[in-house]
């Protein structure tokens, strides 16, 4: 594989897209946790503390993996990546040409494994950086033989482009704020 991808997305776009996706995944975890908690409490008649523990453990592992795997496997992108016009393709493809360039579900699953925890994503990125993988690939990108590229950008007038960039920044800052609050709340709750 060529070490100089001219078409690979910028690190900033990938990071901002991940922040948005993490925000959406946390929302999905929250709703799935409430749903599963009610099922465990009402249908299986478990005690409240046990139902809460089981629902938190199951949803915090399964939902983020399912979120990223299903979106990337079926659509080739996630809502956050779509917002920043990024797509995931096979590493041997030169560019996104059509829907058939989407990655396989198993590739999406391998890419999604570290996304259970944000610490694992950082470790995945650091390992990729230490091993000098091309194009800012994470270890899971390399193992799944995928790469994230800049997709086709809709043609916008110059004024609309500036508006879209400002909207992306504001929306991402709001998502970052809520992700930060969620992470702080999670870690404070542990101690």
N, C-alpha and C. Protein backbone atom coordinates (compact mmCIF):
# COMPACT_ATOMS: atom_id res chain seq x y z
N UNK A 1 0.84 -1.18 0.00
CA UNK A 1 0.00 0.00 0.00
C UNK A 1 0.88 1.24 0.00
N UNK A 2 0.50 2.24 -0.77
CA UNK A 2 1.25 3.48 -0.88
C UNK A 2 1.15 4.28 0.41
N UNK A 3 2.29 4.81 0.88
CA UNK A 3 2.31 5.55 2.13
C UNK A 3 1.87 7.00 1.97
N UNK A 4 1.63 7.46 0.78
CA UNK A 4 1.29 8.88 0.59
C UNK A 4 -0.10 9.01 -0.02
N UNK A 5 -1.11 8.90 0.80
CA UNK A 5 -2.47 9.11 0.32
C UNK A 5 -2.72 10.59 0.18
N UNK A 6 -3.01 11.04 -1.01
CA UNK A 6 -3.33 12.46 -1.18
C UNK A 6 -4.81 12.70 -0.90
N UNK A 7 -5.59 11.64 -0.83
CA UNK A 7 -7.03 11.77 -0.69
C UNK A 7 -7.52 11.51 0.73
N UNK A 8 -6.63 11.31 1.66
CA UNK A 8 -7.05 10.95 3.01
C UNK A 8 -7.53 12.18 3.76
N UNK A 9 -8.56 11.98 4.58
CA UNK A 9 -9.14 13.09 5.34
C UNK A 9 -8.14 13.65 6.34
N UNK A 10 -8.38 14.87 6.70
CA UNK A 10 -7.53 15.51 7.69
C UNK A 10 -7.88 15.01 9.08
N UNK A 11 -6.88 15.02 9.93
CA UNK A 11 -7.06 14.56 11.30
C UNK A 11 -8.15 15.36 12.01
N UNK A 12 -8.20 16.66 11.76
CA UNK A 12 -9.20 17.52 12.39
C UNK A 12 -10.62 17.08 12.04
N UNK A 13 -10.86 16.82 10.76
CA UNK A 13 -12.19 16.38 10.34
C UNK A 13 -12.56 15.05 10.98
N UNK A 14 -11.61 14.14 11.05
CA UNK A 14 -11.88 12.84 11.66
C UNK A 14 -12.19 13.00 13.15
N UNK A 15 -11.44 13.86 13.82
CA UNK A 15 -11.65 14.07 15.25
C UNK A 15 -13.01 14.69 15.50
N UNK A 16 -13.36 15.71 14.74
CA UNK A 16 -14.64 16.37 14.92
C UNK A 16 -15.80 15.43 14.60
N UNK A 17 -15.64 14.64 13.56
CA UNK A 17 -16.67 13.66 13.21
C UNK A 17 -16.83 12.63 14.33
N UNK A 18 -15.71 12.22 14.93
CA UNK A 18 -15.78 11.26 16.03
C UNK A 18 -16.50 11.86 17.23
N UNK A 19 -16.25 13.13 17.52
CA UNK A 19 -16.93 13.78 18.65
C UNK A 19 -18.44 13.75 18.43
N UNK A 20 -18.87 14.09 17.22
CA UNK A 20 -20.31 14.04 16.91
C UNK A 20 -20.85 12.62 17.05
N UNK A 21 -20.12 11.67 16.49
CA UNK A 21 -20.58 10.28 16.56
C UNK A 21 -20.61 9.76 18.00
N UNK A 22 -19.63 10.15 18.79
CA UNK A 22 -19.62 9.73 20.19
C UNK A 22 -20.82 10.31 20.92
N UNK A 23 -21.17 11.55 20.60
CA UNK A 23 -22.36 12.19 21.18
C UNK A 23 -23.61 11.39 20.81
N UNK A 24 -23.76 11.05 19.53
CA UNK A 24 -24.92 10.28 19.08
C UNK A 24 -24.93 8.89 19.71
N UNK A 25 -23.76 8.26 19.82
CA UNK A 25 -23.67 6.94 20.43
C UNK A 25 -24.06 6.99 21.91
N UNK A 26 -23.64 8.05 22.61
CA UNK A 26 -24.01 8.19 24.02
C UNK A 26 -25.53 8.34 24.16
N UNK A 27 -26.14 9.10 23.25
CA UNK A 27 -27.60 9.21 23.27
C UNK A 27 -28.25 7.85 23.05
N UNK A 28 -27.73 7.09 22.11
CA UNK A 28 -28.26 5.74 21.85
C UNK A 28 -28.09 4.85 23.07
N UNK A 29 -26.94 4.93 23.72
CA UNK A 29 -26.69 4.14 24.93
C UNK A 29 -27.70 4.52 26.01
N UNK A 30 -27.93 5.80 26.19
CA UNK A 30 -28.86 6.26 27.21
C UNK A 30 -30.26 5.68 26.98
N UNK A 31 -30.77 5.80 25.76
CA UNK A 31 -32.12 5.31 25.48
C UNK A 31 -32.18 3.78 25.54
N UNK A 32 -31.16 3.11 25.04
CA UNK A 32 -31.13 1.65 25.10
C UNK A 32 -31.05 1.17 26.55
N UNK A 33 -30.28 1.89 27.36
CA UNK A 33 -30.14 1.53 28.77
C UNK A 33 -31.48 1.66 29.49
N UNK A 34 -32.20 2.75 29.24
CA UNK A 34 -33.50 2.94 29.88
C UNK A 34 -34.49 1.85 29.43
N UNK A 35 -34.46 1.53 28.14
CA UNK A 35 -35.35 0.50 27.60
C UNK A 35 -35.05 -0.86 28.23
N UNK A 36 -33.77 -1.24 28.23
CA UNK A 36 -33.38 -2.54 28.79
C UNK A 36 -33.64 -2.59 30.30
N UNK A 37 -33.38 -1.50 30.99
CA UNK A 37 -33.64 -1.43 32.43
C UNK A 37 -35.11 -1.71 32.72
N UNK A 38 -36.00 -1.08 31.96
CA UNK A 38 -37.44 -1.28 32.17
C UNK A 38 -37.85 -2.71 31.87
N UNK A 39 -37.25 -3.31 30.85
CA UNK A 39 -37.55 -4.72 30.54
C UNK A 39 -37.07 -5.63 31.67
N UNK A 40 -35.84 -5.42 32.10
CA UNK A 40 -35.29 -6.25 33.17
C UNK A 40 -36.07 -6.09 34.47
N UNK A 41 -36.49 -4.89 34.75
CA UNK A 41 -37.22 -4.60 35.99
C UNK A 41 -38.65 -5.11 35.92
N UNK A 42 -39.30 -4.86 34.78
CA UNK A 42 -40.72 -5.20 34.67
C UNK A 42 -40.99 -6.62 34.24
N UNK A 43 -40.30 -7.10 33.23
CA UNK A 43 -40.60 -8.41 32.67
C UNK A 43 -39.88 -9.52 33.44
N UNK A 44 -38.59 -9.35 33.67
CA UNK A 44 -37.82 -10.39 34.35
C UNK A 44 -37.85 -10.25 35.86
N UNK A 45 -38.43 -9.18 36.35
CA UNK A 45 -38.63 -8.90 37.77
C UNK A 45 -37.31 -9.06 38.56
N UNK A 46 -36.30 -8.38 38.08
CA UNK A 46 -35.03 -8.33 38.81
C UNK A 46 -35.09 -7.17 39.79
N UNK A 47 -34.28 -7.24 40.83
CA UNK A 47 -34.22 -6.11 41.75
C UNK A 47 -33.59 -4.92 41.02
N UNK A 48 -33.90 -3.72 41.48
CA UNK A 48 -33.53 -2.50 40.77
C UNK A 48 -32.02 -2.36 40.57
N UNK A 49 -31.22 -2.58 41.58
CA UNK A 49 -29.76 -2.41 41.46
C UNK A 49 -29.16 -3.39 40.47
N UNK A 50 -29.64 -4.63 40.49
CA UNK A 50 -29.14 -5.64 39.55
C UNK A 50 -29.58 -5.31 38.11
N UNK A 51 -30.81 -4.87 37.92
CA UNK A 51 -31.30 -4.50 36.59
C UNK A 51 -30.51 -3.32 36.04
N UNK A 52 -30.20 -2.37 36.91
CA UNK A 52 -29.43 -1.20 36.48
C UNK A 52 -28.02 -1.60 36.06
N UNK A 53 -27.36 -2.43 36.85
CA UNK A 53 -26.01 -2.88 36.54
C UNK A 53 -25.97 -3.64 35.22
N UNK A 54 -26.89 -4.57 35.04
CA UNK A 54 -26.92 -5.37 33.82
C UNK A 54 -27.19 -4.48 32.61
N UNK A 55 -28.13 -3.56 32.73
CA UNK A 55 -28.46 -2.70 31.58
C UNK A 55 -27.30 -1.77 31.23
N UNK A 56 -26.59 -1.26 32.22
CA UNK A 56 -25.45 -0.37 31.95
C UNK A 56 -24.32 -1.14 31.27
N UNK A 57 -23.99 -2.31 31.80
CA UNK A 57 -22.89 -3.09 31.23
C UNK A 57 -23.21 -3.52 29.80
N UNK A 58 -24.38 -4.05 29.58
CA UNK A 58 -24.73 -4.55 28.24
C UNK A 58 -24.79 -3.41 27.23
N UNK A 59 -25.49 -2.33 27.57
CA UNK A 59 -25.65 -1.25 26.58
C UNK A 59 -24.36 -0.48 26.33
N UNK A 60 -23.51 -0.34 27.35
CA UNK A 60 -22.28 0.43 27.13
C UNK A 60 -21.27 -0.34 26.28
N UNK A 61 -21.44 -1.63 26.13
CA UNK A 61 -20.57 -2.42 25.26
C UNK A 61 -21.19 -2.62 23.89
N UNK A 62 -22.43 -3.04 23.85
CA UNK A 62 -23.06 -3.43 22.58
C UNK A 62 -23.46 -2.23 21.73
N UNK A 63 -24.05 -1.22 22.34
CA UNK A 63 -24.59 -0.10 21.55
C UNK A 63 -23.52 0.67 20.77
N UNK A 64 -22.39 1.06 21.38
CA UNK A 64 -21.38 1.78 20.56
C UNK A 64 -20.85 0.93 19.40
N UNK A 65 -20.61 -0.36 19.65
CA UNK A 65 -20.14 -1.22 18.57
C UNK A 65 -21.20 -1.33 17.48
N UNK A 66 -22.46 -1.52 17.89
CA UNK A 66 -23.54 -1.63 16.91
C UNK A 66 -23.71 -0.32 16.13
N UNK A 67 -23.63 0.80 16.81
CA UNK A 67 -23.78 2.11 16.15
C UNK A 67 -22.77 2.26 15.01
N UNK A 68 -21.48 2.10 15.34
CA UNK A 68 -20.43 2.29 14.33
C UNK A 68 -20.44 1.18 13.29
N UNK A 69 -20.64 -0.06 13.70
CA UNK A 69 -20.63 -1.19 12.76
C UNK A 69 -21.75 -1.08 11.74
N UNK A 70 -22.95 -0.83 12.21
CA UNK A 70 -24.09 -0.79 11.30
C UNK A 70 -24.03 0.40 10.34
N UNK A 71 -23.70 1.58 10.86
CA UNK A 71 -23.62 2.75 9.98
C UNK A 71 -22.51 2.58 8.95
N UNK A 72 -21.30 2.20 9.40
CA UNK A 72 -20.18 2.08 8.46
C UNK A 72 -20.35 0.88 7.54
N UNK A 73 -20.93 -0.21 8.04
CA UNK A 73 -21.12 -1.40 7.22
C UNK A 73 -22.18 -1.23 6.15
N UNK A 74 -23.28 -0.57 6.49
CA UNK A 74 -24.38 -0.44 5.53
C UNK A 74 -24.33 0.85 4.72
N UNK A 75 -23.82 1.93 5.31
CA UNK A 75 -23.82 3.22 4.61
C UNK A 75 -22.43 3.68 4.20
N UNK A 76 -21.38 3.06 4.75
CA UNK A 76 -20.02 3.49 4.44
C UNK A 76 -19.60 4.74 5.20
N UNK A 77 -20.47 5.22 6.07
CA UNK A 77 -20.20 6.42 6.84
C UNK A 77 -21.11 6.44 8.06
N UNK A 78 -20.81 7.30 9.01
CA UNK A 78 -21.67 7.50 10.18
C UNK A 78 -22.26 8.90 10.08
N UNK A 79 -23.23 9.25 10.91
CA UNK A 79 -23.76 10.62 10.84
C UNK A 79 -22.67 11.68 11.03
N UNK A 80 -21.75 11.48 11.95
CA UNK A 80 -20.67 12.44 12.15
C UNK A 80 -19.75 12.53 10.94
N UNK A 81 -19.39 11.39 10.38
CA UNK A 81 -18.55 11.38 9.17
C UNK A 81 -19.30 12.01 8.00
N UNK A 82 -20.57 11.72 7.89
CA UNK A 82 -21.38 12.30 6.81
C UNK A 82 -21.42 13.82 6.93
N UNK A 83 -21.52 14.31 8.15
CA UNK A 83 -21.54 15.75 8.42
C UNK A 83 -20.26 16.41 7.92
N UNK A 84 -19.14 15.70 8.01
CA UNK A 84 -17.84 16.21 7.56
C UNK A 84 -17.42 15.60 6.21
N UNK A 85 -18.35 15.02 5.50
CA UNK A 85 -18.15 14.40 4.19
C UNK A 85 -16.97 13.43 4.18
N UNK A 86 -16.96 12.52 5.15
CA UNK A 86 -15.94 11.48 5.23
C UNK A 86 -16.59 10.14 4.97
N UNK A 87 -15.87 9.24 4.33
CA UNK A 87 -16.36 7.89 4.10
C UNK A 87 -15.25 6.88 4.42
N UNK A 88 -15.67 5.67 4.73
CA UNK A 88 -14.74 4.58 5.02
C UNK A 88 -14.73 3.65 3.82
N UNK A 89 -13.54 3.38 3.29
CA UNK A 89 -13.42 2.50 2.12
C UNK A 89 -12.34 1.45 2.38
N UNK A 90 -12.29 0.45 1.50
CA UNK A 90 -11.20 -0.52 1.53
C UNK A 90 -9.90 0.24 1.29
N UNK A 91 -8.83 -0.15 1.96
CA UNK A 91 -7.58 0.60 1.83
C UNK A 91 -6.96 0.50 0.44
N UNK A 92 -7.38 -0.45 -0.37
CA UNK A 92 -6.80 -0.56 -1.71
C UNK A 92 -7.61 0.20 -2.77
N UNK A 93 -8.71 0.85 -2.36
CA UNK A 93 -9.48 1.68 -3.29
C UNK A 93 -8.82 3.05 -3.40
N UNK A 94 -8.91 3.66 -4.55
CA UNK A 94 -8.31 4.98 -4.75
C UNK A 94 -9.23 6.10 -4.31
N UNK A 95 -10.54 5.89 -4.44
CA UNK A 95 -11.49 6.94 -4.08
C UNK A 95 -12.88 6.34 -3.96
N UNK A 96 -13.78 7.10 -3.37
CA UNK A 96 -15.17 6.68 -3.25
C UNK A 96 -15.85 6.94 -4.58
N UNK A 97 -16.30 5.87 -5.21
CA UNK A 97 -16.93 6.04 -6.52
C UNK A 97 -18.42 5.74 -6.49
N UNK A 98 -18.80 4.71 -5.77
CA UNK A 98 -20.20 4.32 -5.76
C UNK A 98 -20.50 3.53 -4.51
N UNK A 99 -21.76 3.19 -4.35
CA UNK A 99 -22.20 2.45 -3.17
C UNK A 99 -21.49 1.11 -3.01
N UNK A 100 -21.02 0.52 -4.09
CA UNK A 100 -20.37 -0.79 -4.00
C UNK A 100 -18.99 -0.70 -3.34
N UNK A 101 -18.49 0.50 -3.11
CA UNK A 101 -17.19 0.68 -2.45
C UNK A 101 -17.29 0.57 -0.93
N UNK A 102 -18.50 0.36 -0.41
CA UNK A 102 -18.67 0.26 1.03
C UNK A 102 -17.87 -0.92 1.58
N UNK A 103 -17.48 -0.80 2.84
CA UNK A 103 -16.73 -1.87 3.47
C UNK A 103 -17.69 -2.98 3.92
N UNK A 104 -17.13 -4.14 4.23
CA UNK A 104 -17.93 -5.26 4.70
C UNK A 104 -18.28 -5.07 6.18
N UNK A 105 -19.32 -5.75 6.64
CA UNK A 105 -19.71 -5.64 8.04
C UNK A 105 -18.60 -6.10 8.98
N UNK A 106 -17.87 -7.14 8.61
CA UNK A 106 -16.79 -7.62 9.47
C UNK A 106 -15.69 -6.56 9.58
N UNK A 107 -15.41 -5.84 8.50
CA UNK A 107 -14.43 -4.75 8.55
C UNK A 107 -14.93 -3.64 9.47
N UNK A 108 -16.21 -3.31 9.35
CA UNK A 108 -16.79 -2.28 10.21
C UNK A 108 -16.76 -2.71 11.67
N UNK A 109 -17.00 -3.99 11.93
CA UNK A 109 -16.97 -4.51 13.29
C UNK A 109 -15.56 -4.39 13.88
N UNK A 110 -14.54 -4.76 13.12
CA UNK A 110 -13.16 -4.67 13.60
C UNK A 110 -12.80 -3.21 13.89
N UNK A 111 -13.20 -2.30 13.00
CA UNK A 111 -12.95 -0.87 13.22
C UNK A 111 -13.64 -0.36 14.48
N UNK A 112 -14.79 -0.95 14.82
CA UNK A 112 -15.62 -0.46 15.92
C UNK A 112 -15.20 -0.96 17.29
N UNK A 113 -14.45 -2.02 17.36
CA UNK A 113 -14.11 -2.62 18.66
C UNK A 113 -13.51 -1.64 19.66
N UNK A 114 -12.53 -0.81 19.28
CA UNK A 114 -11.98 0.10 20.30
C UNK A 114 -12.94 1.21 20.73
N UNK A 115 -14.03 1.38 20.01
CA UNK A 115 -14.93 2.50 20.30
C UNK A 115 -15.86 2.23 21.47
N UNK A 116 -15.63 1.13 22.17
CA UNK A 116 -16.39 0.86 23.40
C UNK A 116 -16.06 1.93 24.43
N UNK A 117 -14.80 2.30 24.50
CA UNK A 117 -14.33 3.30 25.46
C UNK A 117 -13.44 4.29 24.75
N UNK A 118 -13.53 5.54 25.13
CA UNK A 118 -12.73 6.58 24.48
C UNK A 118 -11.24 6.37 24.72
N UNK A 119 -10.90 5.76 25.86
CA UNK A 119 -9.49 5.48 26.15
C UNK A 119 -8.92 4.48 25.15
N UNK A 120 -9.73 3.51 24.76
CA UNK A 120 -9.28 2.51 23.78
C UNK A 120 -9.08 3.14 22.40
N UNK A 121 -9.90 4.12 22.06
CA UNK A 121 -9.74 4.83 20.79
C UNK A 121 -8.41 5.58 20.79
N UNK A 122 -8.11 6.26 21.90
CA UNK A 122 -6.84 6.98 21.99
C UNK A 122 -5.65 6.02 21.93
N UNK A 123 -5.74 4.89 22.60
CA UNK A 123 -4.69 3.88 22.55
C UNK A 123 -4.53 3.35 21.13
N UNK A 124 -5.64 3.11 20.46
CA UNK A 124 -5.64 2.64 19.07
C UNK A 124 -4.93 3.65 18.16
N UNK A 125 -5.21 4.92 18.35
CA UNK A 125 -4.58 5.98 17.56
C UNK A 125 -3.10 6.10 17.88
N UNK A 126 -2.74 6.02 19.16
CA UNK A 126 -1.34 6.12 19.56
C UNK A 126 -0.53 4.97 18.99
N UNK A 127 -1.06 3.75 19.05
CA UNK A 127 -0.36 2.59 18.48
C UNK A 127 -0.16 2.79 16.98
N UNK A 128 -1.21 3.26 16.30
CA UNK A 128 -1.09 3.53 14.87
C UNK A 128 -0.03 4.56 14.57
N UNK A 129 0.08 5.57 15.44
CA UNK A 129 1.07 6.62 15.26
C UNK A 129 2.48 6.09 15.54
N UNK A 130 2.63 5.30 16.60
CA UNK A 130 3.94 4.74 16.93
C UNK A 130 4.45 3.82 15.83
N UNK A 131 3.54 3.01 15.28
CA UNK A 131 3.91 2.08 14.21
C UNK A 131 3.99 2.76 12.85
N UNK A 132 3.73 4.07 12.83
CA UNK A 132 3.85 4.90 11.62
C UNK A 132 2.97 4.38 10.47
N UNK A 133 1.72 4.07 10.79
CA UNK A 133 0.80 3.68 9.74
C UNK A 133 0.52 4.90 8.87
N UNK A 134 0.33 4.69 7.57
CA UNK A 134 0.07 5.83 6.69
C UNK A 134 -1.31 6.43 6.93
N UNK A 135 -1.45 7.67 6.58
CA UNK A 135 -2.74 8.35 6.52
C UNK A 135 -3.48 8.42 7.84
N UNK A 136 -2.76 8.54 8.94
CA UNK A 136 -3.39 8.62 10.25
C UNK A 136 -4.27 7.41 10.55
N UNK A 137 -3.91 6.27 10.02
CA UNK A 137 -4.69 5.08 10.29
C UNK A 137 -4.50 4.64 11.73
N UNK A 138 -5.61 4.22 12.33
CA UNK A 138 -5.53 3.62 13.65
C UNK A 138 -5.18 2.14 13.46
N UNK A 139 -4.80 1.48 14.53
CA UNK A 139 -4.49 0.05 14.45
C UNK A 139 -5.70 -0.72 13.93
N UNK A 140 -6.89 -0.37 14.40
CA UNK A 140 -8.09 -1.07 13.95
C UNK A 140 -8.38 -0.81 12.46
N UNK A 141 -8.00 0.37 11.95
CA UNK A 141 -8.11 0.63 10.51
C UNK A 141 -7.21 -0.33 9.74
N UNK A 142 -6.01 -0.48 10.24
CA UNK A 142 -5.02 -1.32 9.57
C UNK A 142 -5.45 -2.79 9.59
N UNK A 143 -5.93 -3.23 10.76
CA UNK A 143 -6.37 -4.63 10.89
C UNK A 143 -7.58 -4.92 10.01
N UNK A 144 -8.46 -3.95 9.85
CA UNK A 144 -9.66 -4.15 9.03
C UNK A 144 -9.43 -3.80 7.55
N UNK A 145 -8.21 -3.33 7.23
CA UNK A 145 -7.85 -2.95 5.86
C UNK A 145 -8.80 -1.88 5.31
N UNK A 146 -8.99 -0.83 6.13
CA UNK A 146 -9.85 0.29 5.72
C UNK A 146 -9.10 1.60 5.91
N UNK A 147 -9.61 2.62 5.26
CA UNK A 147 -9.07 3.97 5.39
C UNK A 147 -10.24 4.95 5.29
N UNK A 148 -10.14 6.05 6.02
CA UNK A 148 -11.17 7.09 5.98
C UNK A 148 -10.68 8.17 5.03
N UNK A 149 -11.53 8.52 4.07
CA UNK A 149 -11.17 9.53 3.09
C UNK A 149 -12.22 10.63 3.05
N UNK A 150 -11.85 11.73 2.42
CA UNK A 150 -12.79 12.81 2.18
C UNK A 150 -13.68 12.38 1.03
N UNK A 151 -14.98 12.35 1.28
CA UNK A 151 -15.93 11.92 0.26
C UNK A 151 -16.32 13.05 -0.66
N UNK A 152 -17.23 12.76 -1.54
CA UNK A 152 -17.70 13.81 -2.44
C UNK A 152 -18.40 14.91 -1.66
N UNK A 153 -17.95 16.14 -1.83
CA UNK A 153 -18.51 17.29 -1.13
C UNK A 153 -19.58 17.92 -2.01
N UNK A 154 -20.76 18.14 -1.46
CA UNK A 154 -21.78 18.79 -2.28
C UNK A 154 -21.31 20.16 -2.73
N UNK A 155 -21.65 20.50 -3.94
CA UNK A 155 -21.24 21.80 -4.49
C UNK A 155 -22.08 22.90 -3.87
N UNK A 156 -21.42 23.77 -3.14
CA UNK A 156 -22.09 24.90 -2.50
C UNK A 156 -21.47 26.20 -2.98
N UNK A 157 -22.27 27.24 -2.97
CA UNK A 157 -21.75 28.57 -3.30
C UNK A 157 -20.80 29.01 -2.18
N UNK A 158 -19.93 29.96 -2.46
CA UNK A 158 -18.92 30.38 -1.49
C UNK A 158 -19.54 30.83 -0.15
N UNK A 159 -20.59 31.61 -0.19
CA UNK A 159 -21.26 32.05 1.04
C UNK A 159 -21.86 30.89 1.81
N UNK A 160 -22.43 29.92 1.08
CA UNK A 160 -23.00 28.75 1.73
C UNK A 160 -21.92 27.89 2.37
N UNK A 161 -20.74 27.83 1.76
CA UNK A 161 -19.64 27.05 2.34
C UNK A 161 -19.23 27.62 3.69
N UNK A 162 -19.12 28.95 3.78
CA UNK A 162 -18.75 29.59 5.04
C UNK A 162 -19.82 29.34 6.10
N UNK A 163 -21.08 29.41 5.70
CA UNK A 163 -22.18 29.15 6.62
C UNK A 163 -22.13 27.71 7.11
N UNK A 164 -21.87 26.77 6.19
CA UNK A 164 -21.80 25.35 6.56
C UNK A 164 -20.65 25.09 7.51
N UNK A 165 -19.50 25.70 7.26
CA UNK A 165 -18.34 25.54 8.14
C UNK A 165 -18.66 26.07 9.53
N UNK A 166 -19.29 27.24 9.61
CA UNK A 166 -19.66 27.81 10.91
C UNK A 166 -20.67 26.91 11.62
N UNK A 167 -21.65 26.41 10.88
CA UNK A 167 -22.65 25.52 11.46
C UNK A 167 -21.99 24.24 11.99
N UNK A 168 -21.07 23.66 11.22
CA UNK A 168 -20.37 22.45 11.67
C UNK A 168 -19.61 22.70 12.96
N UNK A 169 -18.93 23.84 13.04
CA UNK A 169 -18.16 24.16 14.24
C UNK A 169 -19.06 24.33 15.45
N UNK A 170 -20.14 25.08 15.30
CA UNK A 170 -21.06 25.32 16.43
C UNK A 170 -21.68 24.01 16.88
N UNK A 171 -22.17 23.22 15.95
CA UNK A 171 -22.82 21.95 16.29
C UNK A 171 -21.83 21.02 16.99
N UNK A 172 -20.59 20.98 16.51
CA UNK A 172 -19.57 20.12 17.10
C UNK A 172 -19.20 20.59 18.50
N UNK A 173 -19.11 21.90 18.71
CA UNK A 173 -18.82 22.43 20.05
C UNK A 173 -19.93 22.07 21.04
N UNK A 174 -21.16 22.14 20.59
CA UNK A 174 -22.28 21.76 21.46
C UNK A 174 -22.18 20.27 21.81
N UNK A 175 -21.91 19.44 20.81
CA UNK A 175 -21.76 18.00 21.07
C UNK A 175 -20.58 17.74 21.99
N UNK A 176 -19.47 18.43 21.79
CA UNK A 176 -18.29 18.27 22.65
C UNK A 176 -18.61 18.64 24.09
N UNK A 177 -19.39 19.69 24.26
CA UNK A 177 -19.80 20.09 25.60
C UNK A 177 -20.57 18.97 26.29
N UNK A 178 -21.55 18.38 25.59
CA UNK A 178 -22.35 17.33 26.20
C UNK A 178 -21.55 16.04 26.41
N UNK A 179 -20.64 15.72 25.50
CA UNK A 179 -19.77 14.56 25.69
C UNK A 179 -18.89 14.78 26.91
N UNK A 180 -18.33 15.97 27.06
CA UNK A 180 -17.48 16.28 28.21
C UNK A 180 -18.26 16.16 29.52
N UNK A 181 -19.46 16.70 29.54
CA UNK A 181 -20.31 16.60 30.73
C UNK A 181 -20.58 15.13 31.05
N UNK A 182 -20.89 14.34 30.03
CA UNK A 182 -21.15 12.91 30.23
C UNK A 182 -19.94 12.17 30.76
N UNK A 183 -18.76 12.46 30.20
CA UNK A 183 -17.54 11.80 30.67
C UNK A 183 -17.20 12.21 32.10
N UNK A 184 -17.34 13.49 32.41
CA UNK A 184 -17.07 13.97 33.77
C UNK A 184 -18.04 13.30 34.75
N UNK A 185 -19.30 13.26 34.38
CA UNK A 185 -20.31 12.63 35.23
C UNK A 185 -20.00 11.15 35.43
N UNK A 186 -19.55 10.48 34.38
CA UNK A 186 -19.21 9.06 34.47
C UNK A 186 -18.05 8.84 35.42
N UNK A 187 -16.96 9.61 35.24
CA UNK A 187 -15.78 9.41 36.08
C UNK A 187 -15.99 9.87 37.51
N UNK A 188 -16.78 10.90 37.73
CA UNK A 188 -17.07 11.34 39.10
C UNK A 188 -17.93 10.27 39.78
N UNK A 189 -18.82 9.66 39.03
CA UNK A 189 -19.68 8.60 39.58
C UNK A 189 -18.90 7.36 39.98
N UNK A 190 -17.75 7.11 39.32
CA UNK A 190 -16.94 5.95 39.66
C UNK A 190 -16.29 6.13 41.02
N UNK A 191 -15.83 7.34 41.29
CA UNK A 191 -15.09 7.60 42.54
C UNK A 191 -16.02 8.09 43.56
